[in-house]
Amino acid sequence: MDIINKFDLFIFDLDDTIVKTEKLHYNAWIETLRFFYDPNYDIDFNFFCLKFHSIKENSIKSFISEELKLNNYEEIISYKNKAYLDIINQNINNIELIEGLEKFINKILINNKQFVIVSNSPKIHLDYYSNLFPILKNSSKNYYREILINKKPNPECYLKVVEDFPNMKMIGFEDSITGIHSITQVDNIELIYFINTKDYYYYEYIINNYKVIQINNYLEI
């Protein structure tokens, strides 16, 4: 399928759709919960995905407040975001774009098409990666936590894209159950790629319940 010619606007999630970072978020959460909850706290990555990726809104807050019985959610989020920035600074030389993405974005730009980035992350994270990978600065617009009322899996962020770019044929790329649930609620986004491997905890659920095309990386398009 020649999607470059077929579509006008290409919509990318950030974490593990543009940059390989989900395990860095996992490490930041482990550090955070060891500080606030139990110094020996440990979960594997699959359990992390089970609890921190969801089709339910505010699932992370529910996990922290209802299961862990911690009531200082905003303080915990602030600590986690700082821990995450510390971790990515420590790993800066190992952070990579998803395979084939840079070539794919260059093809989008050469053909005078546009792309946007849509993330639950705060603006500081998007700015960090745009400085690390300058090709991302070609994004027509970035959508991030501070300009949204509701986070994914709520579709607000994708509805804003549709509002901001009327009359454009749109295609989206997401990696998690949270993002897939969000983007598939918006009819104007005609085609959705699910970019993840069979190891992902929600892989089978996504394949069986959403109309998506699965790929491992952008070389497969």
C-alpha atoms as a PDB file:
ATOM      1  CA  MET A   1       0.000   0.000   0.000  1.00  0.00           C
ATOM      2  CA  ASP A   2       1.425   3.377  -1.002  1.00  0.00           C
ATOM      3  CA  ILE A   3       0.347   5.180   2.140  1.00  0.00           C
ATOM      4  CA  ILE A   4       2.531   8.217   1.512  1.00  0.00           C
ATOM      5  CA  ASN A   5       0.468   9.192  -1.515  1.00  0.00           C
ATOM      6  CA  LYS A   6      -2.845   8.091  -0.036  1.00  0.00           C
ATOM      7  CA  PHE A   7      -2.696  10.135   3.191  1.00  0.00           C
ATOM      8  CA  ASP A   8      -2.052  13.794   4.019  1.00  0.00           C
ATOM      9  CA  LEU A   9      -1.410  13.682   7.771  1.00  0.00           C
ATOM     10  CA  PHE A  10       0.575  11.068   9.691  1.00  0.00           C
ATOM     11  CA  ILE A  11      -0.122  10.863  13.433  1.00  0.00           C
ATOM     12  CA  PHE A  12       2.462   9.346  15.789  1.00  0.00           C
ATOM     13  CA  ASP A  13       2.354   8.490  19.457  1.00  0.00           C
ATOM     14  CA  LEU A  14       5.703   9.129  21.201  1.00  0.00           C
ATOM     15  CA  ASP A  15       6.835   6.343  23.535  1.00  0.00           C
ATOM     16  CA  ASP A  16       7.663   3.089  21.737  1.00  0.00           C
ATOM     17  CA  THR A  17       6.065   4.468  18.561  1.00  0.00           C
ATOM     18  CA  ILE A  18       8.744   7.080  17.840  1.00  0.00           C
ATOM     19  CA  VAL A  19      11.386   6.351  20.484  1.00  0.00           C
ATOM     20  CA  LYS A  20      12.182   3.130  22.343  1.00  0.00           C
ATOM     21  CA  THR A  21      11.409   4.340  25.852  1.00  0.00           C
ATOM     22  CA  GLU A  22       8.653   2.281  27.489  1.00  0.00           C
ATOM     23  CA  LYS A  23      11.139   0.277  29.566  1.00  0.00           C
ATOM     24  CA  LEU A  24      12.645   3.554  30.761  1.00  0.00           C
ATOM     25  CA  HIS A  25       9.178   4.550  32.013  1.00  0.00           C
ATOM     26  CA  TYR A  26       9.001   1.134  33.680  1.00  0.00           C
ATOM     27  CA  ASN A  27      12.327   1.749  35.428  1.00  0.00           C
ATOM     28  CA  ALA A  28      11.184   5.207  36.546  1.00  0.00           C
ATOM     29  CA  TRP A  29       8.013   3.748  38.036  1.00  0.00           C
ATOM     30  CA  ILE A  30       9.961   1.045  39.880  1.00  0.00           C
ATOM     31  CA  GLU A  31      12.227   3.714  41.381  1.00  0.00           C
ATOM     32  CA  THR A  32       9.220   5.866  42.298  1.00  0.00           C
ATOM     33  CA  LEU A  33       7.239   3.114  43.986  1.00  0.00           C
ATOM     34  CA  ARG A  34      10.279   1.954  45.895  1.00  0.00           C
ATOM     35  CA  PHE A  35      10.553   5.473  47.271  1.00  0.00           C
ATOM     36  CA  PHE A  36       6.869   5.991  48.130  1.00  0.00           C
ATOM     37  CA  TYR A  37       5.582   2.471  48.748  1.00  0.00           C
ATOM     38  CA  ASP A  38       8.137  -0.243  49.510  1.00  0.00           C
ATOM     39  CA  PRO A  39      11.948  -0.086  49.094  1.00  0.00           C
ATOM     40  CA  ASN A  40      11.852  -3.692  47.888  1.00  0.00           C
ATOM     41  CA  TYR A  41       8.948  -3.253  45.488  1.00  0.00           C
ATOM     42  CA  ASP A  42       9.379  -5.108  42.217  1.00  0.00           C
ATOM     43  CA  ILE A  43       7.194  -6.057  39.258  1.00  0.00           C
ATOM     44  CA  ASP A  44       8.104  -7.522  35.911  1.00  0.00           C
ATOM     45  CA  PHE A  45       7.504  -5.642  32.649  1.00  0.00           C
ATOM     46  CA  ASN A  46       4.381  -7.623  31.740  1.00  0.00           C
ATOM     47  CA  PHE A  47       2.748  -6.774  35.056  1.00  0.00           C
ATOM     48  CA  PHE A  48       3.719  -3.147  34.499  1.00  0.00           C
ATOM     49  CA  CYS A  49       1.961  -3.183  31.116  1.00  0.00           C
ATOM     50  CA  LEU A  50      -1.072  -4.894  32.650  1.00  0.00           C
ATOM     51  CA  LYS A  51      -1.481  -2.186  35.295  1.00  0.00           C
ATOM     52  CA  PHE A  52      -0.157   0.923  33.586  1.00  0.00           C
ATOM     53  CA  HIS A  53      -1.660   0.374  30.128  1.00  0.00           C
ATOM     54  CA  SER A  54      -5.447   0.207  30.060  1.00  0.00           C
ATOM     55  CA  ILE A  55      -8.655   1.022  28.224  1.00  0.00           C
ATOM     56  CA  LYS A  56      -9.928   2.500  31.492  1.00  0.00           C
ATOM     57  CA  GLU A  57      -9.357   6.180  32.174  1.00  0.00           C
ATOM     58  CA  ASN A  58      -7.268   7.087  35.237  1.00  0.00           C
ATOM     59  CA  SER A  59      -6.115   3.485  35.571  1.00  0.00           C
ATOM     60  CA  ILE A  60      -2.675   4.457  36.909  1.00  0.00           C
ATOM     61  CA  LYS A  61      -4.231   6.690  39.545  1.00  0.00           C
ATOM     62  CA  SER A  62      -6.623   3.882  40.497  1.00  0.00           C
ATOM     63  CA  PHE A  63      -3.784   1.387  40.806  1.00  0.00           C
ATOM     64  CA  ILE A  64      -1.789   3.728  43.030  1.00  0.00           C
ATOM     65  CA  SER A  65      -4.672   4.873  45.233  1.00  0.00           C
ATOM     66  CA  GLU A  66      -6.871   1.775  45.382  1.00  0.00           C
ATOM     67  CA  GLU A  67      -4.403  -1.102  45.182  1.00  0.00           C
ATOM     68  CA  LEU A  68      -1.301   0.445  46.739  1.00  0.00           C
ATOM     69  CA  LYS A  69      -3.341   2.728  49.052  1.00  0.00           C
ATOM     70  CA  LEU A  70      -1.221   5.797  48.316  1.00  0.00           C
ATOM     71  CA  ASN A  71      -3.099   9.093  48.397  1.00  0.00           C
ATOM     72  CA  ASN A  72      -0.451  11.578  47.211  1.00  0.00           C
ATOM     73  CA  TYR A  73      -0.885  10.899  43.495  1.00  0.00           C
ATOM     74  CA  GLU A  74       0.273  14.291  42.171  1.00  0.00           C
ATOM     75  CA  GLU A  75       3.432  14.149  44.288  1.00  0.00           C
ATOM     76  CA  ILE A  76       4.109  10.630  43.019  1.00  0.00           C
ATOM     77  CA  ILE A  77       3.623  11.682  39.372  1.00  0.00           C
ATOM     78  CA  SER A  78       5.964  14.636  39.845  1.00  0.00           C
ATOM     79  CA  TYR A  79       8.623  12.376  41.354  1.00  0.00           C
ATOM     80  CA  LYS A  80       8.192   9.822  38.576  1.00  0.00           C
ATOM     81  CA  ASN A  81       8.565  12.443  35.845  1.00  0.00           C
ATOM     82  CA  LYS A  82      11.802  13.687  37.409  1.00  0.00           C
ATOM     83  CA  ALA A  83      13.057  10.129  37.805  1.00  0.00           C
ATOM     84  CA  TYR A  84      12.263   9.481  34.145  1.00  0.00           C
ATOM     85  CA  LEU A  85      14.234  12.530  32.988  1.00  0.00           C
ATOM     86  CA  ASP A  86      17.170  11.429  35.136  1.00  0.00           C
ATOM     87  CA  ILE A  87      17.019   7.951  33.591  1.00  0.00           C
ATOM     88  CA  ILE A  88      16.883   9.172  30.008  1.00  0.00           C
ATOM     89  CA  ASN A  89      19.811  11.500  30.689  1.00  0.00           C
ATOM     90  CA  GLN A  90      21.767   8.534  32.025  1.00  0.00           C
ATOM     91  CA  ASN A  91      20.849   6.474  28.962  1.00  0.00           C
ATOM     92  CA  ILE A  92      21.027   9.211  26.332  1.00  0.00           C
ATOM     93  CA  ASN A  93      23.568   7.372  24.189  1.00  0.00           C
ATOM     94  CA  ASN A  94      21.376   4.260  24.065  1.00  0.00           C
ATOM     95  CA  ILE A  95      18.038   5.864  23.167  1.00  0.00           C
ATOM     96  CA  GLU A  96      16.994   5.071  19.616  1.00  0.00           C
ATOM     97  CA  LEU A  97      14.204   5.852  17.203  1.00  0.00           C
ATOM     98  CA  ILE A  98      12.021   2.909  16.241  1.00  0.00           C
ATOM     99  CA  GLU A  99      13.694   1.134  13.349  1.00  0.00           C
ATOM    100  CA  GLY A 100      12.934   2.720   9.984  1.00  0.00           C
ATOM    101  CA  LEU A 101      11.172   5.764  11.446  1.00  0.00           C
ATOM    102  CA  GLU A 102      13.637   8.425  10.318  1.00  0.00           C
ATOM    103  CA  LYS A 103      13.573   7.166   6.728  1.00  0.00           C
ATOM    104  CA  PHE A 104       9.772   7.023   6.870  1.00  0.00           C
ATOM    105  CA  ILE A 105       9.443  10.597   8.170  1.00  0.00           C
ATOM    106  CA  ASN A 106      11.893  11.836   5.550  1.00  0.00           C
ATOM    107  CA  LYS A 107       9.674  10.266   2.902  1.00  0.00           C
ATOM    108  CA  ILE A 108       6.647  12.031   4.406  1.00  0.00           C
ATOM    109  CA  LEU A 109       8.434  15.372   4.268  1.00  0.00           C
ATOM    110  CA  ILE A 110       9.892  14.911   0.785  1.00  0.00           C
ATOM    111  CA  ASN A 111       6.361  14.299  -0.479  1.00  0.00           C
ATOM    112  CA  ASN A 112       5.121  17.515   1.162  1.00  0.00           C
ATOM    113  CA  LYS A 113       2.937  15.663   3.640  1.00  0.00           C
ATOM    114  CA  GLN A 114       2.642  16.499   7.353  1.00  0.00           C
ATOM    115  CA  PHE A 115       2.998  14.655  10.640  1.00  0.00           C
ATOM    116  CA  VAL A 116       2.067  15.365  14.250  1.00  0.00           C
ATOM    117  CA  ILE A 117       3.023  13.829  17.591  1.00  0.00           C
ATOM    118  CA  VAL A 118       0.301  12.965  20.106  1.00  0.00           C
ATOM    119  CA  SER A 119       1.331  11.853  23.591  1.00  0.00           C
ATOM    120  CA  ASN A 120       0.224  11.576  27.218  1.00  0.00           C
ATOM    121  CA  SER A 121       3.707  12.760  28.165  1.00  0.00           C
ATOM    122  CA  PRO A 122       4.434  16.299  29.395  1.00  0.00           C
ATOM    123  CA  LYS A 123       5.844  18.846  26.957  1.00  0.00           C
ATOM    124  CA  ILE A 124       9.319  18.598  28.447  1.00  0.00           C
ATOM    125  CA  HIS A 125       9.573  14.989  27.231  1.00  0.00           C
ATOM    126  CA  LEU A 126       8.578  15.847  23.665  1.00  0.00           C
ATOM    127  CA  ASP A 127      11.006  18.776  23.640  1.00  0.00           C
ATOM    128  CA  TYR A 128      13.770  16.529  24.956  1.00  0.00           C
ATOM    129  CA  TYR A 129      13.367  14.007  22.148  1.00  0.00           C
ATOM    130  CA  SER A 130      12.948  16.706  19.509  1.00  0.00           C
ATOM    131  CA  ASN A 131      16.320  18.103  20.547  1.00  0.00           C
ATOM    132  CA  LEU A 132      17.857  14.639  20.616  1.00  0.00           C
ATOM    133  CA  PHE A 133      16.406  13.713  17.205  1.00  0.00           C
ATOM    134  CA  PRO A 134      16.065  16.967  15.201  1.00  0.00           C
ATOM    135  CA  ILE A 135      13.926  15.349  12.491  1.00  0.00           C
ATOM    136  CA  LEU A 136      11.067  15.435  15.024  1.00  0.00           C
ATOM    137  CA  LYS A 137      11.169  19.234  14.944  1.00  0.00           C
ATOM    138  CA  ASN A 138       9.462  18.989  11.555  1.00  0.00           C
ATOM    139  CA  SER A 139       6.237  17.994  13.297  1.00  0.00           C
ATOM    140  CA  SER A 140       3.404  20.338  12.309  1.00  0.00           C
ATOM    141  CA  LYS A 141       2.098  20.241  15.889  1.00  0.00           C
ATOM    142  CA  ASN A 142       2.714  18.397  19.141  1.00  0.00           C
ATOM    143  CA  TYR A 143      -0.061  17.386  21.528  1.00  0.00           C
ATOM    144  CA  TYR A 144       0.995  16.758  25.132  1.00  0.00           C
ATOM    145  CA  ARG A 145      -0.358  16.462  28.649  1.00  0.00           C
ATOM    146  CA  GLU A 146      -0.517  20.156  29.501  1.00  0.00           C
ATOM    147  CA  ILE A 147      -2.854  21.077  26.631  1.00  0.00           C
ATOM    148  CA  LEU A 148      -5.270  18.200  27.210  1.00  0.00           C
ATOM    149  CA  ILE A 149      -8.025  17.828  29.764  1.00  0.00           C
ATOM    150  CA  ASN A 150      -8.255  14.063  29.364  1.00  0.00           C
ATOM    151  CA  LYS A 151      -5.425  11.620  28.727  1.00  0.00           C
ATOM    152  CA  LYS A 152      -5.517   8.534  26.533  1.00  0.00           C
ATOM    153  CA  PRO A 153      -7.460   6.196  26.439  1.00  0.00           C
ATOM    154  CA  ASN A 154      -9.868   9.137  26.173  1.00  0.00           C
ATOM    155  CA  PRO A 155      -9.908  10.164  22.470  1.00  0.00           C
ATOM    156  CA  GLU A 156      -9.701  13.920  23.186  1.00  0.00           C
ATOM    157  CA  CYS A 157      -6.160  14.263  21.824  1.00  0.00           C
ATOM    158  CA  TYR A 158      -7.082  12.673  18.490  1.00  0.00           C
ATOM    159  CA  LEU A 159     -10.291  14.657  18.231  1.00  0.00           C
ATOM    160  CA  LYS A 160      -8.155  17.794  18.573  1.00  0.00           C
ATOM    161  CA  VAL A 161      -5.991  16.637  15.681  1.00  0.00           C
ATOM    162  CA  VAL A 162      -9.083  16.201  13.516  1.00  0.00           C
ATOM    163  CA  GLU A 163     -10.294  19.661  14.516  1.00  0.00           C
ATOM    164  CA  ASP A 164      -6.910  21.273  13.841  1.00  0.00           C
ATOM    165  CA  PHE A 165      -6.369  19.601  10.459  1.00  0.00           C
ATOM    166  CA  PRO A 166      -9.776  19.562   8.741  1.00  0.00           C
ATOM    167  CA  ASN A 167     -10.330  17.889   5.393  1.00  0.00           C
ATOM    168  CA  MET A 168      -7.126  15.874   5.568  1.00  0.00           C
ATOM    169  CA  LYS A 169      -6.824  12.131   5.079  1.00  0.00           C
ATOM    170  CA  MET A 170      -5.279  10.785   8.264  1.00  0.00           C
ATOM    171  CA  ILE A 171      -3.325   7.711   9.315  1.00  0.00           C
ATOM    172  CA  GLY A 172      -2.207   6.886  12.861  1.00  0.00           C
ATOM    173  CA  PHE A 173       0.497   4.878  14.623  1.00  0.00           C
ATOM    174  CA  GLU A 174       0.203   3.581  18.194  1.00  0.00           C
ATOM    175  CA  ASP A 175       1.947   0.918  20.282  1.00  0.00           C
ATOM    176  CA  SER A 176      -0.174   0.260  23.391  1.00  0.00           C
ATOM    177  CA  ILE A 177      -3.696  -0.765  24.334  1.00  0.00           C
ATOM    178  CA  THR A 178      -4.176   2.707  25.827  1.00  0.00           C
ATOM    179  CA  GLY A 179      -3.296   4.479  22.600  1.00  0.00           C
ATOM    180  CA  ILE A 180      -5.031   1.984  20.320  1.00  0.00           C
ATOM    181  CA  HIS A 181      -8.262   2.341  22.277  1.00  0.00           C
ATOM    182  CA  SER A 182      -7.974   6.131  22.088  1.00  0.00           C
ATOM    183  CA  ILE A 183      -7.245   6.443  18.379  1.00  0.00           C
ATOM    184  CA  THR A 184      -9.783   3.862  17.223  1.00  0.00           C
ATOM    185  CA  GLN A 185     -12.600   5.944  18.698  1.00  0.00           C
ATOM    186  CA  VAL A 186     -12.035   8.615  16.024  1.00  0.00           C
ATOM    187  CA  ASP A 187     -13.648   7.785  12.686  1.00  0.00           C
ATOM    188  CA  ASN A 188     -11.727  10.424  10.722  1.00  0.00           C
ATOM    189  CA  ILE A 189      -8.470   8.504  11.164  1.00  0.00           C
ATOM    190  CA  GLU A 190      -8.908   6.046   8.330  1.00  0.00           C
ATOM    191  CA  LEU A 191      -6.047   3.605   8.919  1.00  0.00           C
ATOM    192  CA  ILE A 192      -4.273   2.635  12.142  1.00  0.00           C
ATOM    193  CA  TYR A 193      -1.000   0.796  12.509  1.00  0.00           C
ATOM    194  CA  PHE A 194      -0.286  -1.076  15.740  1.00  0.00           C
ATOM    195  CA  ILE A 195       3.490  -1.062  16.126  1.00  0.00           C
ATOM    196  CA  ASN A 196       4.582  -3.676  18.651  1.00  0.00           C
ATOM    197  CA  THR A 197       5.684  -7.292  18.898  1.00  0.00           C
ATOM    198  CA  LYS A 198       3.870 -10.465  19.943  1.00  0.00           C
ATOM    199  CA  ASP A 199       5.582 -10.218  23.330  1.00  0.00           C
ATOM    200  CA  TYR A 200       3.447  -7.221  24.277  1.00  0.00           C
ATOM    201  CA  TYR A 201       0.999  -8.129  27.053  1.00  0.00           C
ATOM    202  CA  TYR A 202      -2.091  -6.865  25.182  1.00  0.00           C
ATOM    203  CA  TYR A 203      -1.017  -8.038  21.708  1.00  0.00           C
ATOM    204  CA  GLU A 204      -3.716 -10.697  21.243  1.00  0.00           C
ATOM    205  CA  TYR A 205      -6.414  -8.513  22.769  1.00  0.00           C
ATOM    206  CA  ILE A 206      -5.626  -5.698  20.332  1.00  0.00           C
ATOM    207  CA  ILE A 207      -5.477  -7.970  17.295  1.00  0.00           C
ATOM    208  CA  ASN A 208      -8.799  -9.576  18.221  1.00  0.00           C
ATOM    209  CA  ASN A 209     -10.710  -6.437  19.188  1.00  0.00           C
ATOM    210  CA  TYR A 210      -9.528  -3.540  17.041  1.00  0.00           C
ATOM    211  CA  LYS A 211      -9.253  -2.896  13.326  1.00  0.00           C
ATOM    212  CA  VAL A 212      -5.510  -2.319  13.015  1.00  0.00           C
ATOM    213  CA  ILE A 213      -2.530  -3.418  10.960  1.00  0.00           C
ATOM    214  CA  GLN A 214       0.275  -4.840  13.095  1.00  0.00           C
ATOM    215  CA  ILE A 215       3.913  -4.119  12.314  1.00  0.00           C
ATOM    216  CA  ASN A 216       7.125  -4.545  14.293  1.00  0.00           C
ATOM    217  CA  ASN A 217       8.821  -1.453  12.851  1.00  0.00           C
ATOM    218  CA  TYR A 218       8.551   1.047   9.999  1.00  0.00           C
ATOM    219  CA  LEU A 219      10.702  -1.011   7.635  1.00  0.00           C
ATOM    220  CA  GLU A 220       7.655  -3.265   7.195  1.00  0.00           C
ATOM    221  CA  ILE A 221       5.488  -0.562   5.632  1.00  0.00           C
END
